[in-house]
Protein backbone atom coordinates (compact mmCIF):
# COMPACT_ATOMS: atom_id res chain seq x y z
CA MET A 1 14.03 -3.68 9.59
CA LYS A 2 16.47 -3.32 6.66
CA ARG A 3 14.97 -3.25 3.40
CA HIS A 4 16.77 -4.16 0.03
CA GLU A 5 17.49 -0.95 -1.75
CA ALA A 6 15.37 -1.80 -4.70
CA LEU A 7 12.16 -2.03 -2.42
CA ILE A 8 12.75 1.29 -0.55
CA PRO A 9 10.49 3.42 -2.87
CA LEU A 10 7.64 0.84 -1.98
CA SER A 11 8.52 1.27 1.73
CA HIS A 12 8.35 5.04 1.30
CA HIS A 13 4.78 4.58 -0.05
CA HIS A 14 4.02 2.43 2.84
CA HIS A 15 5.36 4.97 5.23
CA HIS A 16 3.19 7.46 3.93
CA ALA A 17 -0.13 4.97 4.02
CA LEU A 18 0.76 4.21 7.69
CA VAL A 19 0.37 7.85 8.41
CA MET A 20 -2.94 8.22 6.60
CA ALA A 21 -4.00 5.17 8.05
CA LEU A 22 -3.27 6.49 11.70
CA GLU A 23 -5.32 9.50 10.82
CA MET A 24 -8.20 7.28 9.36
CA LYS A 25 -8.28 4.87 12.31
CA LYS A 26 -8.88 8.02 14.58
CA ALA A 27 -11.70 9.72 12.43
CA GLY A 28 -14.65 10.61 14.25
CA THR A 29 -12.78 10.56 17.93
CA GLU A 30 -11.45 13.27 20.07
CA LYS A 31 -7.93 12.03 18.83
CA SER A 32 -8.47 13.32 15.58
CA GLU A 33 -6.81 16.21 14.20
CA LYS A 34 -8.58 16.23 10.89
CA ASN A 35 -12.26 16.52 9.91
CA TYR A 36 -13.93 13.84 7.49
CA LYS A 37 -13.96 16.10 4.64
CA GLN A 38 -10.35 16.90 4.95
CA LEU A 39 -9.41 13.22 5.63
CA ILE A 40 -11.28 12.34 2.21
CA ARG A 41 -9.41 14.78 0.40
CA ASP A 42 -6.30 13.87 1.14
CA MET A 43 -7.05 10.07 1.05
CA ILE A 44 -7.91 10.80 -2.49
CA ASP A 45 -4.84 13.02 -3.15
CA PHE A 46 -2.65 10.20 -1.70
CA TRP A 47 -4.37 7.70 -4.06
CA LYS A 48 -4.17 9.86 -7.21
CA GLU A 49 -0.44 10.65 -6.53
CA ASP A 50 1.13 7.42 -5.25
CA GLY A 51 -1.47 4.84 -4.12
CA GLN A 52 -2.94 3.56 -7.43
CA ASP A 53 0.55 3.46 -9.09
CA HIS A 54 2.03 1.93 -5.93
CA PHE A 55 -0.54 -0.88 -6.43
CA ARG A 56 0.18 -1.31 -10.27
CA ASP A 57 4.14 -1.78 -9.41
CA GLU A 58 3.31 -4.42 -7.16
CA GLU A 59 0.93 -5.94 -9.27
CA ASP A 60 2.73 -5.44 -12.50
CA ILE A 61 6.57 -5.59 -11.65
CA LEU A 62 7.21 -6.94 -8.35
CA LEU A 63 4.73 -9.97 -8.18
CA PRO A 64 5.53 -11.50 -11.36
CA VAL A 65 9.36 -11.09 -10.55
CA TYR A 66 8.87 -12.86 -7.24
CA LEU A 67 6.87 -15.64 -8.65
CA GLU A 68 9.40 -16.05 -11.58
CA TYR A 69 12.08 -16.87 -9.00
CA ALA A 70 10.81 -17.91 -5.98
CA GLU A 71 10.98 -21.89 -5.69
CA GLN A 72 7.88 -22.22 -3.77
CA PRO A 73 5.62 -18.83 -3.81
CA ASN A 74 3.51 -18.21 -1.11
CA GLU A 75 0.61 -18.35 -3.15
CA GLY A 76 -1.81 -17.70 -0.03
CA LEU A 77 0.12 -14.48 0.85
CA VAL A 78 0.02 -13.21 -2.68
CA LYS A 79 -3.72 -14.21 -2.83
CA GLN A 80 -4.20 -12.09 0.44
CA MET A 81 -2.23 -9.13 -0.83
CA LEU A 82 -4.25 -8.82 -3.77
CA TYR A 83 -7.45 -9.46 -2.22
CA GLN A 84 -6.62 -6.47 0.20
CA HIS A 85 -5.62 -4.35 -2.85
CA ALA A 86 -8.95 -5.06 -4.26
CA GLN A 87 -10.68 -4.33 -0.66
CA ILE A 88 -9.05 -0.80 -0.59
CA ARG A 89 -9.85 0.30 -3.99
CA GLY A 90 -13.39 -0.65 -3.22
CA LEU A 91 -13.28 1.63 -0.31
CA ILE A 92 -11.55 4.52 -1.77
CA ARG A 93 -14.03 4.24 -4.51
CA HIS A 94 -17.06 4.19 -2.04
CA LEU A 95 -15.54 7.12 -0.38
CA ARG A 96 -14.88 9.29 -3.59
CA GLU A 97 -18.80 8.53 -4.95
CA SER A 98 -20.83 8.00 -2.16
CA GLN A 99 -22.69 10.94 -0.72
CA ASN A 100 -23.75 8.76 2.28
CA THR A 101 -20.65 7.40 3.83
CA SER A 102 -19.80 7.40 7.55
CA TYR A 103 -16.87 7.30 9.67
CA ASP A 104 -17.11 3.64 10.01
CA LYS A 105 -15.79 3.25 6.28
CA VAL A 106 -12.97 5.88 7.00
CA ASN A 107 -11.93 3.80 10.01
CA GLU A 108 -12.36 0.37 8.27
CA LEU A 109 -10.03 1.95 5.30
CA GLY A 110 -7.60 2.95 7.94
CA LYS A 111 -7.71 -0.56 9.87
CA LEU A 112 -7.16 -2.04 6.35
CA LEU A 113 -4.35 -0.29 5.11
CA ASP A 114 -2.33 -0.46 8.43
CA GLU A 115 -3.09 -4.44 8.14
CA HIS A 116 -2.25 -4.35 4.60
CA VAL A 117 1.12 -2.68 4.92
CA ARG A 118 2.30 -4.68 7.83
CA LEU A 119 1.52 -7.71 5.69
CA GLU A 120 3.84 -6.60 2.88
CA GLU A 121 6.52 -5.39 5.11
CA ARG A 122 6.80 -7.98 7.59
CA GLU A 123 5.71 -11.13 5.46
CA LEU A 124 5.75 -10.79 1.68
CA PHE A 125 8.94 -8.39 1.32
CA PRO A 126 11.12 -10.86 3.28
CA LEU A 127 10.15 -13.53 0.88
CA ILE A 128 10.95 -11.48 -2.19
CA GLU A 129 14.31 -10.08 -0.77
CA GLU A 130 15.18 -13.83 -0.41
CA ALA A 131 14.22 -15.11 -3.77
CA VAL A 132 14.91 -12.57 -5.90
CA PRO A 133 18.35 -12.21 -7.08
CA ASP A 134 19.60 -8.73 -6.97
CA LYS A 135 19.95 -7.79 -10.33
CA TYR A 136 16.32 -8.63 -10.83
CA LEU A 137 14.94 -6.44 -7.73
CA TYR A 138 17.09 -3.62 -9.14
CA GLU A 139 15.38 -3.84 -12.72
CA ALA A 140 12.04 -3.97 -11.04
CA LYS A 141 12.96 -0.75 -9.10
CA GLY A 142 13.88 0.64 -12.59
CA GLY A 143 10.04 0.40 -13.47
CA PHE A 144 8.33 1.95 -10.04
CA HIS A 145 6.94 5.27 -10.38
CA ARG A 146 8.52 8.11 -8.28
CA ASP A 147 7.04 8.84 -4.78
CA SER A 148 5.58 12.39 -4.87
CA LEU A 149 6.64 12.90 -1.25
CA SER A 150 10.21 11.76 -0.91
CA GLY A 151 11.06 11.79 -4.86
CA ASN A 152 12.01 8.14 -4.48
């Protein structure tokens, strides 16, 4: 799917999140290439380097621009996105802090990340691209943090 140039940095993060989600969904199965501690360490590193800033970029920069320019913003979709952000933050906090966690929590986070990225890429970003004038999408891009892996 073609993405507006200004949203490509966020889509790069989404790609990395999908890779992480796939690994987490396989956790505890014979298909998993990483052990439990490795997966959690990788997730925490991803969260520190890109994830938490990515959420801030969306919540503090992108959504306000969308809500300003959309004639009829999809409030349900925005609420769902923000709710998923809160769920993801909670699961990451659990994995970071809990001594008694399970593969189930890792799998749950993987499934939620996958669902969340697909919601944004397939449903929300097309609405944003349609509603927000190019000039303001490029201005928003100027405020996004740089992706640690791609440099975008």
